[in-house]
């Protein structure tokens, strides 16, 4: 029983940490969106969109290649009985 409680506590702690990181990211993003103009560092929407494309959309071929490779490896390993 103690082992399950400890596992649950660790999982809850990690999720709190993740939520905290997301909160900091959102907070800093909102800060620069609203305070950037006042500090003469406005957010350039075209730069944001370009970076989103580079990070997300242009990564799809690599992700597809890696997924196919992992699928092939798992299929080969599944051929041999234990």
N, C-alpha and C. Protein backbone atom coordinates (compact mmCIF):
# COMPACT_ATOMS: atom_id res chain seq x y z
N UNK A 1 0.82 -1.20 0.00
CA UNK A 1 0.00 0.00 0.00
C UNK A 1 0.87 1.26 0.00
N UNK A 2 1.92 1.24 0.79
CA UNK A 2 2.80 2.40 0.88
C UNK A 2 3.50 2.65 -0.46
N UNK A 3 3.82 1.57 -1.15
CA UNK A 3 4.49 1.70 -2.44
C UNK A 3 3.60 2.41 -3.45
N UNK A 4 2.32 2.06 -3.49
CA UNK A 4 1.39 2.70 -4.41
C UNK A 4 1.18 4.17 -4.06
N UNK A 5 1.11 4.46 -2.80
CA UNK A 5 0.95 5.84 -2.35
C UNK A 5 2.17 6.67 -2.73
N UNK A 6 3.34 6.07 -2.57
CA UNK A 6 4.57 6.77 -2.92
C UNK A 6 4.64 7.04 -4.42
N UNK A 7 4.25 6.07 -5.22
CA UNK A 7 4.24 6.23 -6.67
C UNK A 7 3.27 7.33 -7.08
N UNK A 8 2.10 7.33 -6.46
CA UNK A 8 1.10 8.36 -6.76
C UNK A 8 1.61 9.74 -6.37
N UNK A 9 2.27 9.83 -5.24
CA UNK A 9 2.83 11.11 -4.80
C UNK A 9 3.90 11.64 -5.74
N UNK A 10 4.76 10.75 -6.23
CA UNK A 10 5.80 11.17 -7.17
C UNK A 10 5.18 11.65 -8.48
N UNK A 11 4.16 10.94 -8.95
CA UNK A 11 3.50 11.35 -10.19
C UNK A 11 2.84 12.71 -10.02
N UNK A 12 2.21 12.93 -8.88
CA UNK A 12 1.57 14.21 -8.62
C UNK A 12 2.62 15.33 -8.55
N UNK A 13 3.76 15.05 -7.96
CA UNK A 13 4.82 16.05 -7.89
C UNK A 13 5.36 16.42 -9.26
N UNK A 14 5.52 15.41 -10.12
CA UNK A 14 6.01 15.69 -11.48
C UNK A 14 4.99 16.48 -12.28
N UNK A 15 3.70 16.18 -12.10
CA UNK A 15 2.68 16.93 -12.83
C UNK A 15 2.63 18.37 -12.33
N UNK A 16 2.80 18.59 -11.04
CA UNK A 16 2.85 19.96 -10.51
C UNK A 16 4.03 20.72 -11.11
N UNK A 17 5.16 20.05 -11.25
CA UNK A 17 6.34 20.68 -11.83
C UNK A 17 6.09 21.06 -13.29
N UNK A 18 5.46 20.16 -14.03
CA UNK A 18 5.16 20.42 -15.44
C UNK A 18 4.19 21.58 -15.57
N UNK A 19 3.16 21.59 -14.75
CA UNK A 19 2.20 22.70 -14.78
C UNK A 19 2.88 24.01 -14.44
N UNK A 20 3.83 23.96 -13.52
CA UNK A 20 4.58 25.16 -13.17
C UNK A 20 5.40 25.69 -14.34
N UNK A 21 6.07 24.78 -15.07
CA UNK A 21 6.84 25.20 -16.24
C UNK A 21 5.94 25.83 -17.29
N UNK A 22 4.78 25.21 -17.54
CA UNK A 22 3.84 25.77 -18.51
C UNK A 22 3.34 27.13 -18.06
N UNK A 23 3.10 27.28 -16.76
CA UNK A 23 2.64 28.55 -16.23
C UNK A 23 3.67 29.65 -16.44
N UNK A 24 4.94 29.33 -16.21
CA UNK A 24 6.01 30.31 -16.43
C UNK A 24 6.10 30.67 -17.91
N UNK A 25 5.99 29.68 -18.78
CA UNK A 25 6.04 29.93 -20.22
C UNK A 25 4.91 30.85 -20.66
N UNK A 26 3.69 30.57 -20.21
CA UNK A 26 2.54 31.40 -20.58
C UNK A 26 2.69 32.80 -20.00
N UNK A 27 3.14 32.88 -18.75
CA UNK A 27 3.33 34.18 -18.12
C UNK A 27 4.35 35.04 -18.84
N UNK A 28 5.50 34.45 -19.19
CA UNK A 28 6.51 35.21 -19.91
C UNK A 28 6.03 35.60 -21.31
N UNK A 29 5.30 34.71 -21.96
CA UNK A 29 4.78 35.04 -23.29
C UNK A 29 3.81 36.22 -23.22
N UNK A 30 2.90 36.18 -22.27
CA UNK A 30 1.95 37.28 -22.11
C UNK A 30 2.66 38.57 -21.74
N UNK A 31 3.69 38.47 -20.91
CA UNK A 31 4.45 39.66 -20.52
C UNK A 31 5.04 40.33 -21.76
N UNK A 32 5.71 39.55 -22.62
CA UNK A 32 6.36 40.15 -23.78
C UNK A 32 5.36 40.62 -24.82
N UNK A 33 4.20 39.98 -24.88
CA UNK A 33 3.18 40.45 -25.82
C UNK A 33 2.69 41.84 -25.43
N UNK A 34 2.44 42.03 -24.14
CA UNK A 34 1.86 43.30 -23.69
C UNK A 34 2.91 44.34 -23.31
N UNK A 35 4.01 43.93 -22.71
CA UNK A 35 5.01 44.90 -22.26
C UNK A 35 6.08 45.16 -23.32
N UNK A 36 6.13 44.36 -24.36
CA UNK A 36 7.16 44.50 -25.38
C UNK A 36 7.11 45.84 -26.09
N UNK A 37 5.91 46.29 -26.42
CA UNK A 37 5.79 47.58 -27.12
C UNK A 37 6.28 48.73 -26.24
N UNK A 38 5.95 48.65 -24.98
CA UNK A 38 6.36 49.71 -24.05
C UNK A 38 7.88 49.74 -23.89
N UNK A 39 8.52 48.58 -24.00
CA UNK A 39 9.98 48.49 -23.85
C UNK A 39 10.71 48.56 -25.19
N UNK A 40 9.99 48.94 -26.25
CA UNK A 40 10.54 49.03 -27.60
C UNK A 40 11.08 47.69 -28.10
N UNK A 41 10.42 46.59 -27.69
CA UNK A 41 10.74 45.26 -28.18
C UNK A 41 9.44 44.54 -28.52
N UNK A 42 8.72 45.04 -29.53
CA UNK A 42 7.43 44.42 -29.83
C UNK A 42 7.60 43.01 -30.39
N UNK A 43 6.57 42.20 -30.18
CA UNK A 43 6.55 40.85 -30.72
C UNK A 43 6.19 40.95 -32.20
N UNK A 44 7.04 40.40 -33.03
CA UNK A 44 6.78 40.41 -34.47
C UNK A 44 6.06 39.11 -34.83
N UNK A 45 4.81 39.25 -35.23
CA UNK A 45 3.98 38.09 -35.50
C UNK A 45 4.56 37.25 -36.64
N UNK A 46 5.14 37.89 -37.64
CA UNK A 46 5.71 37.12 -38.76
C UNK A 46 6.87 36.23 -38.28
N UNK A 47 7.67 36.72 -37.35
CA UNK A 47 8.77 35.92 -36.81
C UNK A 47 8.25 34.75 -35.98
N UNK A 48 7.20 35.00 -35.23
CA UNK A 48 6.60 33.94 -34.42
C UNK A 48 6.05 32.84 -35.32
N UNK A 49 5.33 33.22 -36.37
CA UNK A 49 4.75 32.24 -37.30
C UNK A 49 5.86 31.46 -38.00
N UNK A 50 6.93 32.14 -38.41
CA UNK A 50 8.04 31.47 -39.09
C UNK A 50 8.69 30.43 -38.17
N UNK A 51 8.90 30.80 -36.91
CA UNK A 51 9.50 29.86 -35.97
C UNK A 51 8.57 28.69 -35.68
N UNK A 52 7.27 28.96 -35.61
CA UNK A 52 6.32 27.87 -35.41
C UNK A 52 6.37 26.89 -36.58
N UNK A 53 6.51 27.41 -37.79
CA UNK A 53 6.62 26.55 -38.97
C UNK A 53 7.89 25.70 -38.91
N UNK A 54 9.00 26.33 -38.55
CA UNK A 54 10.27 25.60 -38.49
C UNK A 54 10.24 24.51 -37.44
N UNK A 55 9.67 24.80 -36.30
CA UNK A 55 9.66 23.84 -35.20
C UNK A 55 8.62 22.75 -35.39
N UNK A 56 7.45 23.12 -35.88
CA UNK A 56 6.37 22.15 -35.96
C UNK A 56 6.16 21.52 -37.31
N UNK A 57 5.75 22.29 -38.26
CA UNK A 57 5.34 21.76 -39.56
C UNK A 57 6.51 21.14 -40.31
N UNK A 58 7.66 21.79 -40.31
CA UNK A 58 8.80 21.27 -41.06
C UNK A 58 9.42 20.04 -40.40
N UNK A 59 9.02 19.71 -39.19
CA UNK A 59 9.53 18.52 -38.51
C UNK A 59 8.73 17.27 -38.87
N UNK A 60 7.61 17.42 -39.54
CA UNK A 60 6.76 16.27 -39.85
C UNK A 60 7.49 15.20 -40.66
N UNK A 61 8.28 15.53 -41.69
CA UNK A 61 8.99 14.45 -42.40
C UNK A 61 9.94 13.66 -41.50
N UNK A 62 10.64 14.34 -40.60
CA UNK A 62 11.56 13.65 -39.70
C UNK A 62 10.80 12.75 -38.74
N UNK A 63 9.72 13.25 -38.19
CA UNK A 63 8.91 12.46 -37.27
C UNK A 63 8.34 11.25 -37.99
N UNK A 64 7.89 11.42 -39.21
CA UNK A 64 7.36 10.30 -39.99
C UNK A 64 8.44 9.25 -40.26
N UNK A 65 9.63 9.70 -40.61
CA UNK A 65 10.73 8.78 -40.85
C UNK A 65 11.09 7.99 -39.59
N UNK A 66 11.20 8.69 -38.47
CA UNK A 66 11.52 8.01 -37.22
C UNK A 66 10.43 7.04 -36.81
N UNK A 67 9.17 7.42 -37.00
CA UNK A 67 8.05 6.54 -36.65
C UNK A 67 8.06 5.28 -37.51
N UNK A 68 8.31 5.45 -38.80
CA UNK A 68 8.37 4.29 -39.69
C UNK A 68 9.52 3.37 -39.31
N UNK A 69 10.66 3.95 -38.97
CA UNK A 69 11.82 3.14 -38.58
C UNK A 69 11.53 2.34 -37.32
N UNK A 70 10.94 2.98 -36.34
CA UNK A 70 10.60 2.29 -35.09
C UNK A 70 9.57 1.19 -35.37
N UNK A 71 8.59 1.48 -36.23
CA UNK A 71 7.60 0.47 -36.59
C UNK A 71 8.23 -0.74 -37.26
N UNK A 72 9.18 -0.51 -38.15
CA UNK A 72 9.88 -1.62 -38.82
C UNK A 72 10.66 -2.44 -37.80
N UNK A 73 11.35 -1.77 -36.90
CA UNK A 73 12.13 -2.48 -35.87
C UNK A 73 11.21 -3.34 -35.01
N UNK A 74 10.08 -2.79 -34.59
CA UNK A 74 9.14 -3.56 -33.76
C UNK A 74 8.56 -4.73 -34.54
N UNK A 75 8.30 -4.55 -35.82
CA UNK A 75 7.77 -5.64 -36.64
C UNK A 75 8.79 -6.76 -36.77
N UNK A 76 10.05 -6.39 -36.96
CA UNK A 76 11.09 -7.41 -37.06
C UNK A 76 11.24 -8.16 -35.74
N UNK A 77 11.18 -7.44 -34.64
CA UNK A 77 11.31 -8.09 -33.34
C UNK A 77 10.11 -8.98 -33.04
N UNK A 78 8.95 -8.62 -33.59
CA UNK A 78 7.74 -9.41 -33.36
C UNK A 78 7.71 -10.71 -34.15
N UNK A 79 8.56 -10.85 -35.14
CA UNK A 79 8.59 -12.07 -35.95
C UNK A 79 9.06 -13.26 -35.12
N UNK A 80 10.04 -13.04 -34.29
CA UNK A 80 10.66 -14.13 -33.55
C UNK A 80 9.89 -14.43 -32.26
N UNK A 81 9.45 -15.68 -32.09
CA UNK A 81 8.73 -16.02 -30.85
C UNK A 81 9.69 -16.09 -29.66
N UNK A 82 9.16 -15.89 -28.50
CA UNK A 82 9.98 -15.95 -27.29
C UNK A 82 10.10 -17.34 -26.78
